[in-house]
Amino acid sequence: MKVKSKIWSALGSFMDHSMINKPSGADRAILTDIETAIERCIDLHDTVFDERYVHEILFLVSNAPGSITFLSRRISTHLDSTREPVRALKTLLLIHRLLRGGDRYFEQDLRNLWSSQDLKVDPSWLMDYNDEAYALVHGYSSYLEERMAWAFGQSGNLEPVRPPFMELTFRSYNDEMVELLCFRLSKCQTLLDRVMDCFLVNSSSDGPVARSVFGLVLRESFRVYEGYAEGLEYLMRSPFNKATSKDQSQILEEDERTTEEIPIRESKNSFNLFPGKLETTISTVWVEFDEENLEATSL
């Protein structure tokens, strides 16, 4: 089965490159429409782009097999060519919304393109820009680097993608459960640390695009934090806790060492990300959020 999967993967990659290198007239029109939609999303204005452009891109890609490679490369090119913090943020935000808005196959393809470096979320120039104006770009980029290793599961919750070595046969069911639990806790902690990176920014980062980034990151982090807390609780009272005492102590020590307390400072420029109750609608393919109560923070 693995050989068959690799053959299909190689064939799909060949078809992707074939479409990009020798597009037909109809294909060229689709690629042009994708490029136009991308440019509408990542202009220099500090305004959040319309969600309809995200849906337009997803629709175009779904009707043109192989165009997702073109999409990934064009987004990466735009991210590498800009030096404007707002445009860089909007490009990263577009990647994030596409990742959330597509079905599981689109999500998997996008993650594979990120693994192959066709899609980049960490522009090479960013290390040369360390002033406050780029602080959120740094934090959001590091968050997306970790977020690419997560996917929405059947329950609609974010789950860390299991690496290939975890598909190996374990000696017992308990061993497998211990390994999976420790892996999940470790990934949760890493993602939550990257969330904190996004909030180590100057209070001046309160424009519409920044607020949209903050809101999106927080929405995802809530359930991840709940899963992390539940996992720790289960680990401490699990029936195989004797066999995992070493793993428990290592996780708790790592948690104590790496988790920092972030001070909350009051400011006249502070804003309320969630003025009302956050409602969540979850499907088995993607996650949609009711924006009615968040309109003030997204526009």
C-alpha atoms as a PDB file:
ATOM      1  CA  MET A   1       0.000   0.000   0.000  1.00  0.00           C
ATOM      2  CA  LYS A   2       2.874   2.365   0.773  1.00  0.00           C
ATOM      3  CA  VAL A   3       4.424   1.665  -2.653  1.00  0.00           C
ATOM      4  CA  LYS A   4       1.109   2.385  -4.339  1.00  0.00           C
ATOM      5  CA  SER A   5       0.750   5.608  -2.360  1.00  0.00           C
ATOM      6  CA  LYS A   6       4.243   6.721  -3.384  1.00  0.00           C
ATOM      7  CA  ILE A   7       3.483   5.989  -7.051  1.00  0.00           C
ATOM      8  CA  TRP A   8       0.316   8.080  -6.934  1.00  0.00           C
ATOM      9  CA  SER A   9       2.179  10.858  -5.118  1.00  0.00           C
ATOM     10  CA  ALA A  10       4.909  10.891  -7.771  1.00  0.00           C
ATOM     11  CA  LEU A  11       2.296  10.875 -10.541  1.00  0.00           C
ATOM     12  CA  GLY A  12       0.458  13.774  -8.900  1.00  0.00           C
ATOM     13  CA  SER A  13       3.688  15.753  -8.624  1.00  0.00           C
ATOM     14  CA  PHE A  14       4.412  15.112 -12.318  1.00  0.00           C
ATOM     15  CA  MET A  15       0.933  16.323 -13.261  1.00  0.00           C
ATOM     16  CA  ASP A  16       1.382  19.450 -11.116  1.00  0.00           C
ATOM     17  CA  HIS A  17       4.631  20.397 -12.861  1.00  0.00           C
ATOM     18  CA  SER A  18       3.191  19.505 -16.266  1.00  0.00           C
ATOM     19  CA  MET A  19       0.264  21.847 -15.778  1.00  0.00           C
ATOM     20  CA  ILE A  20       2.463  24.734 -14.664  1.00  0.00           C
ATOM     21  CA  ASN A  21       5.076  24.297 -17.380  1.00  0.00           C
ATOM     22  CA  LYS A  22       2.672  23.750 -20.279  1.00  0.00           C
ATOM     23  CA  PRO A  23      -0.702  25.228 -19.386  1.00  0.00           C
ATOM     24  CA  SER A  24      -3.526  25.199 -21.911  1.00  0.00           C
ATOM     25  CA  GLY A  25      -5.552  28.285 -22.712  1.00  0.00           C
ATOM     26  CA  ALA A  26      -8.188  27.414 -20.129  1.00  0.00           C
ATOM     27  CA  ASP A  27      -5.514  26.611 -17.554  1.00  0.00           C
ATOM     28  CA  ARG A  28      -3.791  29.933 -18.175  1.00  0.00           C
ATOM     29  CA  ALA A  29      -7.065  31.737 -17.532  1.00  0.00           C
ATOM     30  CA  ILE A  30      -7.477  29.919 -14.211  1.00  0.00           C
ATOM     31  CA  LEU A  31      -3.906  30.669 -13.164  1.00  0.00           C
ATOM     32  CA  THR A  32      -4.439  34.332 -14.060  1.00  0.00           C
ATOM     33  CA  ASP A  33      -7.607  34.414 -11.953  1.00  0.00           C
ATOM     34  CA  ILE A  34      -5.726  32.848  -9.027  1.00  0.00           C
ATOM     35  CA  GLU A  35      -2.954  35.435  -9.323  1.00  0.00           C
ATOM     36  CA  THR A  36      -5.512  38.260  -9.447  1.00  0.00           C
ATOM     37  CA  ALA A  37      -7.282  36.985  -6.323  1.00  0.00           C
ATOM     38  CA  ILE A  38      -3.955  36.719  -4.476  1.00  0.00           C
ATOM     39  CA  GLU A  39      -3.048  40.314  -5.337  1.00  0.00           C
ATOM     40  CA  ARG A  40      -6.430  41.553  -4.113  1.00  0.00           C
ATOM     41  CA  CYS A  41      -5.759  39.916  -0.751  1.00  0.00           C
ATOM     42  CA  ILE A  42      -2.242  41.226  -0.166  1.00  0.00           C
ATOM     43  CA  ASP A  43      -2.306  44.904  -1.083  1.00  0.00           C
ATOM     44  CA  LEU A  44      -0.525  47.523   1.035  1.00  0.00           C
ATOM     45  CA  HIS A  45      -3.638  48.824   2.814  1.00  0.00           C
ATOM     46  CA  ASP A  46      -4.129  47.960   6.490  1.00  0.00           C
ATOM     47  CA  THR A  47      -7.552  46.458   5.862  1.00  0.00           C
ATOM     48  CA  VAL A  48      -8.629  42.829   6.102  1.00  0.00           C
ATOM     49  CA  PHE A  49      -9.282  41.290   2.690  1.00  0.00           C
ATOM     50  CA  ASP A  50     -12.727  40.019   1.817  1.00  0.00           C
ATOM     51  CA  GLU A  51     -13.323  36.355   2.590  1.00  0.00           C
ATOM     52  CA  ARG A  52     -14.878  35.892  -0.842  1.00  0.00           C
ATOM     53  CA  TYR A  53     -11.415  36.080  -2.398  1.00  0.00           C
ATOM     54  CA  VAL A  54     -10.322  33.154  -0.235  1.00  0.00           C
ATOM     55  CA  HIS A  55     -13.348  31.164  -1.388  1.00  0.00           C
ATOM     56  CA  GLU A  56     -12.641  32.175  -4.983  1.00  0.00           C
ATOM     57  CA  ILE A  57      -9.083  30.821  -4.743  1.00  0.00           C
ATOM     58  CA  LEU A  58     -10.299  27.578  -3.174  1.00  0.00           C
ATOM     59  CA  PHE A  59     -12.922  27.196  -5.904  1.00  0.00           C
ATOM     60  CA  LEU A  60     -10.427  27.821  -8.705  1.00  0.00           C
ATOM     61  CA  VAL A  61      -7.910  25.354  -7.267  1.00  0.00           C
ATOM     62  CA  SER A  62     -10.579  22.685  -6.797  1.00  0.00           C
ATOM     63  CA  ASN A  63     -11.451  22.939 -10.492  1.00  0.00           C
ATOM     64  CA  ALA A  64      -7.872  22.870 -11.762  1.00  0.00           C
ATOM     65  CA  PRO A  65      -5.828  19.865 -10.595  1.00  0.00           C
ATOM     66  CA  GLY A  66      -2.227  20.874 -10.091  1.00  0.00           C
ATOM     67  CA  SER A  67      -2.921  24.589  -9.670  1.00  0.00           C
ATOM     68  CA  ILE A  68      -2.285  24.386  -5.929  1.00  0.00           C
ATOM     69  CA  THR A  69       1.441  24.171  -6.723  1.00  0.00           C
ATOM     70  CA  PHE A  70       1.169  27.391  -8.734  1.00  0.00           C
ATOM     71  CA  LEU A  71      -0.789  28.970  -5.868  1.00  0.00           C
ATOM     72  CA  SER A  72       1.857  28.011  -3.295  1.00  0.00           C
ATOM     73  CA  ARG A  73       4.740  29.270  -5.403  1.00  0.00           C
ATOM     74  CA  ARG A  74       3.054  32.585  -6.207  1.00  0.00           C
ATOM     75  CA  ILE A  75       2.238  33.239  -2.546  1.00  0.00           C
ATOM     76  CA  SER A  76       5.829  32.375  -1.591  1.00  0.00           C
ATOM     77  CA  THR A  77       7.163  34.717  -4.278  1.00  0.00           C
ATOM     78  CA  HIS A  78       5.022  37.582  -3.009  1.00  0.00           C
ATOM     79  CA  LEU A  79       6.126  36.911   0.576  1.00  0.00           C
ATOM     80  CA  ASP A  80       9.796  36.879  -0.412  1.00  0.00           C
ATOM     81  CA  SER A  81       9.563  40.024  -2.535  1.00  0.00           C
ATOM     82  CA  THR A  82       7.775  42.329  -0.097  1.00  0.00           C
ATOM     83  CA  ARG A  83       9.415  44.238   2.740  1.00  0.00           C
ATOM     84  CA  GLU A  84       6.267  45.929   3.996  1.00  0.00           C
ATOM     85  CA  PRO A  85       5.117  44.492   7.356  1.00  0.00           C
ATOM     86  CA  VAL A  86       1.407  44.927   6.574  1.00  0.00           C
ATOM     87  CA  ARG A  87       1.703  43.159   3.226  1.00  0.00           C
ATOM     88  CA  ALA A  88       3.783  40.370   4.788  1.00  0.00           C
ATOM     89  CA  LEU A  89       1.139  39.939   7.508  1.00  0.00           C
ATOM     90  CA  LYS A  90      -1.666  39.824   4.932  1.00  0.00           C
ATOM     91  CA  THR A  91       0.222  37.207   2.912  1.00  0.00           C
ATOM     92  CA  LEU A  92       0.676  35.022   6.004  1.00  0.00           C
ATOM     93  CA  LEU A  93      -2.969  35.602   6.919  1.00  0.00           C
ATOM     94  CA  LEU A  94      -4.001  34.448   3.439  1.00  0.00           C
ATOM     95  CA  ILE A  95      -2.023  31.222   3.900  1.00  0.00           C
ATOM     96  CA  HIS A  96      -3.664  30.675   7.286  1.00  0.00           C
ATOM     97  CA  ARG A  97      -7.189  31.251   5.976  1.00  0.00           C
ATOM     98  CA  LEU A  98      -6.614  28.985   2.995  1.00  0.00           C
ATOM     99  CA  LEU A  99      -5.312  26.307   5.343  1.00  0.00           C
ATOM    100  CA  ARG A 100      -8.458  26.588   7.448  1.00  0.00           C
ATOM    101  CA  GLY A 101     -10.923  27.067   4.613  1.00  0.00           C
ATOM    102  CA  GLY A 102      -9.975  24.189   2.329  1.00  0.00           C
ATOM    103  CA  ASP A 103     -11.113  20.596   2.674  1.00  0.00           C
ATOM    104  CA  ARG A 104      -8.829  17.930   4.104  1.00  0.00           C
ATOM    105  CA  TYR A 105      -7.321  17.102   0.713  1.00  0.00           C
ATOM    106  CA  PHE A 106      -6.431  20.735   0.057  1.00  0.00           C
ATOM    107  CA  GLU A 107      -5.036  20.963   3.588  1.00  0.00           C
ATOM    108  CA  GLN A 108      -2.891  17.876   3.048  1.00  0.00           C
ATOM    109  CA  ASP A 109      -1.634  19.079  -0.346  1.00  0.00           C
ATOM    110  CA  LEU A 110      -0.731  22.474   1.084  1.00  0.00           C
ATOM    111  CA  ARG A 111       1.150  20.835   3.953  1.00  0.00           C
ATOM    112  CA  ASN A 112       3.058  18.622   1.500  1.00  0.00           C
ATOM    113  CA  LEU A 113       4.012  21.671  -0.565  1.00  0.00           C
ATOM    114  CA  TRP A 114       5.240  23.356   2.599  1.00  0.00           C
ATOM    115  CA  SER A 115       7.343  20.271   3.361  1.00  0.00           C
ATOM    116  CA  SER A 116       8.836  20.420  -0.137  1.00  0.00           C
ATOM    117  CA  GLN A 117       9.566  24.169   0.230  1.00  0.00           C
ATOM    118  CA  ASP A 118       7.181  25.109  -2.583  1.00  0.00           C
ATOM    119  CA  LEU A 119       5.218  27.004   0.058  1.00  0.00           C
ATOM    120  CA  LYS A 120       7.172  29.207   2.452  1.00  0.00           C
ATOM    121  CA  VAL A 121       5.904  30.925   5.578  1.00  0.00           C
ATOM    122  CA  ASP A 122       9.310  32.194   6.743  1.00  0.00           C
ATOM    123  CA  PRO A 123      10.680  34.738   4.230  1.00  0.00           C
ATOM    124  CA  SER A 124      14.460  34.756   3.974  1.00  0.00           C
ATOM    125  CA  TRP A 125      14.680  38.527   4.470  1.00  0.00           C
ATOM    126  CA  LEU A 126      12.852  38.536   7.809  1.00  0.00           C
ATOM    127  CA  MET A 127      15.960  37.887   9.922  1.00  0.00           C
ATOM    128  CA  ASP A 128      17.366  41.259   8.809  1.00  0.00           C
ATOM    129  CA  TYR A 129      14.343  43.162  10.167  1.00  0.00           C
ATOM    130  CA  ASN A 130      14.177  43.117  13.964  1.00  0.00           C
ATOM    131  CA  ASP A 131      12.481  46.414  14.804  1.00  0.00           C
ATOM    132  CA  GLU A 132       9.056  46.594  16.449  1.00  0.00           C
ATOM    133  CA  ALA A 133       7.199  47.052  13.175  1.00  0.00           C
ATOM    134  CA  TYR A 134       8.117  43.479  12.195  1.00  0.00           C
ATOM    135  CA  ALA A 135       7.611  41.844  15.619  1.00  0.00           C
ATOM    136  CA  LEU A 136       4.205  40.415  14.750  1.00  0.00           C
ATOM    137  CA  VAL A 137       5.465  39.186  11.365  1.00  0.00           C
ATOM    138  CA  HIS A 138       8.196  37.255  13.208  1.00  0.00           C
ATOM    139  CA  GLY A 139       5.724  35.803  15.719  1.00  0.00           C
ATOM    140  CA  TYR A 140       3.047  34.926  13.165  1.00  0.00           C
ATOM    141  CA  SER A 141       5.590  33.329  10.843  1.00  0.00           C
ATOM    142  CA  SER A 142       6.902  31.085  13.639  1.00  0.00           C
ATOM    143  CA  TYR A 143       3.315  30.201  14.595  1.00  0.00           C
ATOM    144  CA  LEU A 144       2.447  29.163  11.037  1.00  0.00           C
ATOM    145  CA  GLU A 145       5.658  27.116  10.814  1.00  0.00           C
ATOM    146  CA  GLU A 146       4.359  25.009  13.705  1.00  0.00           C
ATOM    147  CA  ARG A 147       0.714  25.223  12.613  1.00  0.00           C
ATOM    148  CA  MET A 148       1.553  23.546   9.295  1.00  0.00           C
ATOM    149  CA  ALA A 149       2.252  20.357  11.262  1.00  0.00           C
ATOM    150  CA  TRP A 150      -1.361  20.292  12.510  1.00  0.00           C
ATOM    151  CA  ALA A 151      -4.598  19.311  10.778  1.00  0.00           C
ATOM    152  CA  PHE A 152      -8.303  19.199  11.548  1.00  0.00           C
ATOM    153  CA  GLY A 153      -9.368  15.711  12.613  1.00  0.00           C
ATOM    154  CA  GLN A 154     -12.689  13.939  12.134  1.00  0.00           C
ATOM    155  CA  SER A 155     -14.025  15.672  15.259  1.00  0.00           C
ATOM    156  CA  GLY A 156     -13.249  19.089  13.805  1.00  0.00           C
ATOM    157  CA  ASN A 157     -10.502  19.752  16.349  1.00  0.00           C
ATOM    158  CA  LEU A 158      -6.894  20.570  15.533  1.00  0.00           C
ATOM    159  CA  GLU A 159      -4.670  17.522  15.915  1.00  0.00           C
ATOM    160  CA  PRO A 160      -0.895  17.242  15.454  1.00  0.00           C
ATOM    161  CA  VAL A 161       0.012  15.226  12.376  1.00  0.00           C
ATOM    162  CA  ARG A 162       1.713  11.981  13.359  1.00  0.00           C
ATOM    163  CA  PRO A 163       5.209  11.579  11.905  1.00  0.00           C
ATOM    164  CA  PRO A 164       5.978   8.405   9.907  1.00  0.00           C
ATOM    165  CA  PHE A 165       7.994   6.766  12.696  1.00  0.00           C
ATOM    166  CA  MET A 166       4.887   6.699  14.897  1.00  0.00           C
ATOM    167  CA  GLU A 167       3.224   4.313  12.454  1.00  0.00           C
ATOM    168  CA  LEU A 168       5.602   1.570  13.595  1.00  0.00           C
ATOM    169  CA  THR A 169       4.338  -1.368  15.639  1.00  0.00           C
ATOM    170  CA  PHE A 170       4.588  -0.896  19.390  1.00  0.00           C
ATOM    171  CA  ARG A 171       5.220  -3.641  21.903  1.00  0.00           C
ATOM    172  CA  SER A 172       1.873  -3.074  23.570  1.00  0.00           C
ATOM    173  CA  TYR A 173      -1.222  -0.920  23.450  1.00  0.00           C
ATOM    174  CA  ASN A 174      -0.051   0.946  26.552  1.00  0.00           C
ATOM    175  CA  ASP A 175       3.279   1.750  24.919  1.00  0.00           C
ATOM    176  CA  GLU A 176       1.484   3.182  21.913  1.00  0.00           C
ATOM    177  CA  MET A 177      -0.849   5.257  24.083  1.00  0.00           C
ATOM    178  CA  VAL A 178       2.066   6.619  26.111  1.00  0.00           C
ATOM    179  CA  GLU A 179       3.959   7.567  22.959  1.00  0.00           C
ATOM    180  CA  LEU A 180       0.929   9.230  21.387  1.00  0.00           C
ATOM    181  CA  LEU A 181       0.056  11.128  24.551  1.00  0.00           C
ATOM    182  CA  CYS A 182       3.592  12.398  25.083  1.00  0.00           C
ATOM    183  CA  PHE A 183       3.812  13.393  21.416  1.00  0.00           C
ATOM    184  CA  ARG A 184       0.512  15.264  21.594  1.00  0.00           C
ATOM    185  CA  LEU A 185       1.441  17.085  24.809  1.00  0.00           C
ATOM    186  CA  SER A 186       4.792  18.093  23.380  1.00  0.00           C
ATOM    187  CA  LYS A 187       3.192  19.443  20.188  1.00  0.00           C
ATOM    188  CA  CYS A 188       0.503  21.288  22.163  1.00  0.00           C
ATOM    189  CA  GLN A 189       3.127  22.978  24.300  1.00  0.00           C
ATOM    190  CA  THR A 190       5.165  23.985  21.258  1.00  0.00           C
ATOM    191  CA  LEU A 191       2.136  25.460  19.483  1.00  0.00           C
ATOM    192  CA  LEU A 192       1.084  27.368  22.611  1.00  0.00           C
ATOM    193  CA  ASP A 193       4.611  28.766  22.904  1.00  0.00           C
ATOM    194  CA  ARG A 194       4.313  30.003  19.327  1.00  0.00           C
ATOM    195  CA  VAL A 195       0.982  31.618  20.247  1.00  0.00           C
ATOM    196  CA  MET A 196       2.803  33.572  22.951  1.00  0.00           C
ATOM    197  CA  ASP A 197       5.334  34.701  20.341  1.00  0.00           C
ATOM    198  CA  CYS A 198       2.509  36.472  18.520  1.00  0.00           C
ATOM    199  CA  PHE A 199       1.618  38.498  21.605  1.00  0.00           C
ATOM    200  CA  LEU A 200       5.136  39.641  22.499  1.00  0.00           C
ATOM    201  CA  VAL A 201       4.548  42.707  20.380  1.00  0.00           C
ATOM    202  CA  ASN A 202       4.270  46.429  20.910  1.00  0.00           C
ATOM    203  CA  SER A 203       0.816  47.753  21.748  1.00  0.00           C
ATOM    204  CA  SER A 204       0.946  49.793  18.541  1.00  0.00           C
ATOM    205  CA  SER A 205       0.235  46.569  16.609  1.00  0.00           C
ATOM    206  CA  ASP A 206      -3.500  47.142  16.809  1.00  0.00           C
ATOM    207  CA  GLY A 207      -4.480  47.767  13.196  1.00  0.00           C
ATOM    208  CA  PRO A 208      -7.279  45.788  11.500  1.00  0.00           C
ATOM    209  CA  VAL A 209      -4.914  43.199   9.998  1.00  0.00           C
ATOM    210  CA  ALA A 210      -3.107  42.665  13.320  1.00  0.00           C
ATOM    211  CA  ARG A 211      -6.439  42.261  15.141  1.00  0.00           C
ATOM    212  CA  SER A 212      -7.555  39.700  12.581  1.00  0.00           C
ATOM    213  CA  VAL A 213      -4.315  37.759  13.116  1.00  0.00           C
ATOM    214  CA  PHE A 214      -4.708  37.887  16.909  1.00  0.00           C
ATOM    215  CA  GLY A 215      -8.313  36.719  16.729  1.00  0.00           C
ATOM    216  CA  LEU A 216      -7.557  33.813  14.407  1.00  0.00           C
ATOM    217  CA  VAL A 217      -4.594  32.615  16.477  1.00  0.00           C
ATOM    218  CA  LEU A 218      -6.580  32.832  19.722  1.00  0.00           C
ATOM    219  CA  ARG A 219      -9.532  30.884  18.310  1.00  0.00           C
ATOM    220  CA  GLU A 220      -7.258  28.001  17.427  1.00  0.00           C
ATOM    221  CA  SER A 221      -5.303  28.148  20.679  1.00  0.00           C
ATOM    222  CA  PHE A 222      -8.342  27.837  22.981  1.00  0.00           C
ATOM    223  CA  ARG A 223      -9.119  24.219  22.094  1.00  0.00           C
ATOM    224  CA  VAL A 224      -5.440  23.308  21.888  1.00  0.00           C
ATOM    225  CA  TYR A 225      -4.983  24.568  25.451  1.00  0.00           C
ATOM    226  CA  GLU A 226      -8.013  22.587  26.617  1.00  0.00           C
ATOM    227  CA  GLY A 227      -6.589  19.452  25.001  1.00  0.00           C
ATOM    228  CA  TYR A 228      -3.219  20.111  26.629  1.00  0.00           C
ATOM    229  CA  ALA A 229      -4.774  20.463  30.093  1.00  0.00           C
ATOM    230  CA  GLU A 230      -6.905  17.340  29.612  1.00  0.00           C
ATOM    231  CA  GLY A 231      -3.868  15.388  28.413  1.00  0.00           C
ATOM    232  CA  LEU A 232      -1.826  16.357  31.471  1.00  0.00           C
ATOM    233  CA  GLU A 233      -4.689  15.415  33.782  1.00  0.00           C
ATOM    234  CA  TYR A 234      -5.120  12.057  32.077  1.00  0.00           C
ATOM    235  CA  LEU A 235      -1.393  11.396  32.210  1.00  0.00           C
ATOM    236  CA  MET A 236      -1.286  11.975  35.964  1.00  0.00           C
ATOM    237  CA  ARG A 237      -4.168   9.606  36.738  1.00  0.00           C
ATOM    238  CA  SER A 238      -3.722   7.069  33.936  1.00  0.00           C
ATOM    239  CA  PRO A 239      -3.728   3.325  34.768  1.00  0.00           C
ATOM    240  CA  PHE A 240      -0.222   3.002  33.340  1.00  0.00           C
ATOM    241  CA  ASN A 241       1.233   5.917  35.310  1.00  0.00           C
ATOM    242  CA  LYS A 242       3.917   3.765  36.906  1.00  0.00           C
ATOM    243  CA  ALA A 243       5.303   2.836  33.529  1.00  0.00           C
ATOM    244  CA  THR A 244       5.263   6.470  32.459  1.00  0.00           C
ATOM    245  CA  SER A 245       6.588   8.188  35.578  1.00  0.00           C
ATOM    246  CA  LYS A 246       9.780   9.138  33.749  1.00  0.00           C
ATOM    247  CA  ASP A 247       7.802  10.599  30.853  1.00  0.00           C
ATOM    248  CA  GLN A 248       5.573  12.501  33.303  1.00  0.00           C
ATOM    249  CA  SER A 249       8.482  14.114  35.093  1.00  0.00           C
ATOM    250  CA  GLN A 250      10.177  15.028  31.818  1.00  0.00           C
ATOM    251  CA  ILE A 251       7.027  16.689  30.491  1.00  0.00           C
ATOM    252  CA  LEU A 252       6.389  18.609  33.710  1.00  0.00           C
ATOM    253  CA  GLU A 253      10.011  19.742  33.951  1.00  0.00           C
ATOM    254  CA  GLU A 254       9.961  20.882  30.333  1.00  0.00           C
ATOM    255  CA  ASP A 255       6.676  22.689  30.915  1.00  0.00           C
ATOM    256  CA  GLU A 256       8.056  24.507  33.956  1.00  0.00           C
ATOM    257  CA  ARG A 257      11.266  25.426  32.172  1.00  0.00           C
ATOM    258  CA  THR A 258       9.857  26.681  28.874  1.00  0.00           C
ATOM    259  CA  THR A 259       6.482  28.163  29.782  1.00  0.00           C
ATOM    260  CA  GLU A 260       6.909  31.810  30.647  1.00  0.00           C
ATOM    261  CA  GLU A 261       4.438  34.058  32.395  1.00  0.00           C
ATOM    262  CA  ILE A 262       3.556  36.852  30.012  1.00  0.00           C
ATOM    263  CA  PRO A 263       2.702  40.119  31.843  1.00  0.00           C
ATOM    264  CA  ILE A 264      -0.482  41.844  30.759  1.00  0.00           C
ATOM    265  CA  ARG A 265      -0.118  45.594  30.520  1.00  0.00           C
ATOM    266  CA  GLU A 266      -3.026  47.982  30.520  1.00  0.00           C
ATOM    267  CA  SER A 267      -2.956  50.545  27.752  1.00  0.00           C
ATOM    268  CA  LYS A 268      -5.174  53.250  26.409  1.00  0.00           C
ATOM    269  CA  ASN A 269      -4.796  51.582  23.023  1.00  0.00           C
ATOM    270  CA  SER A 270      -5.818  48.151  24.292  1.00  0.00           C
ATOM    271  CA  PHE A 271      -8.732  46.504  22.573  1.00  0.00           C
ATOM    272  CA  ASN A 272     -11.214  43.741  23.324  1.00  0.00           C
ATOM    273  CA  LEU A 273     -10.825  40.894  20.838  1.00  0.00           C
ATOM    274  CA  PHE A 274     -14.044  39.176  21.866  1.00  0.00           C
ATOM    275  CA  PRO A 275     -16.818  41.595  22.910  1.00  0.00           C
ATOM    276  CA  GLY A 276     -19.363  38.801  22.856  1.00  0.00           C
ATOM    277  CA  LYS A 277     -19.624  35.048  23.121  1.00  0.00           C
ATOM    278  CA  LEU A 278     -17.585  33.153  20.532  1.00  0.00           C
ATOM    279  CA  GLU A 279     -19.724  30.614  18.708  1.00  0.00           C
ATOM    280  CA  THR A 280     -18.079  27.764  16.824  1.00  0.00           C
ATOM    281  CA  THR A 281     -19.503  25.702  13.998  1.00  0.00           C
ATOM    282  CA  ILE A 282     -17.522  22.554  13.242  1.00  0.00           C
ATOM    283  CA  SER A 283     -17.795  20.185  10.287  1.00  0.00           C
ATOM    284  CA  THR A 284     -15.767  17.064   9.595  1.00  0.00           C
ATOM    285  CA  VAL A 285     -13.939  18.736   6.723  1.00  0.00           C
ATOM    286  CA  TRP A 286     -13.233  22.283   7.782  1.00  0.00           C
ATOM    287  CA  VAL A 287     -13.990  24.733  10.561  1.00  0.00           C
ATOM    288  CA  GLU A 288     -16.146  27.810  10.139  1.00  0.00           C
ATOM    289  CA  PHE A 289     -16.601  30.562  12.681  1.00  0.00           C
ATOM    290  CA  ASP A 290     -19.585  32.846  13.100  1.00  0.00           C
ATOM    291  CA  GLU A 291     -18.132  36.328  12.585  1.00  0.00           C
ATOM    292  CA  GLU A 292     -21.198  38.342  13.663  1.00  0.00           C
ATOM    293  CA  ASN A 293     -19.900  38.942  17.179  1.00  0.00           C
ATOM    294  CA  LEU A 294     -16.357  39.512  15.904  1.00  0.00           C
ATOM    295  CA  GLU A 295     -17.146  42.048  13.206  1.00  0.00           C
ATOM    296  CA  ALA A 296     -15.526  44.868  15.150  1.00  0.00           C
ATOM    297  CA  THR A 297     -12.227  42.990  15.329  1.00  0.00           C
ATOM    298  CA  SER A 298     -12.112  41.653  11.778  1.00  0.00           C
ATOM    299  CA  LEU A 299     -12.939  44.795   9.816  1.00  0.00           C
END
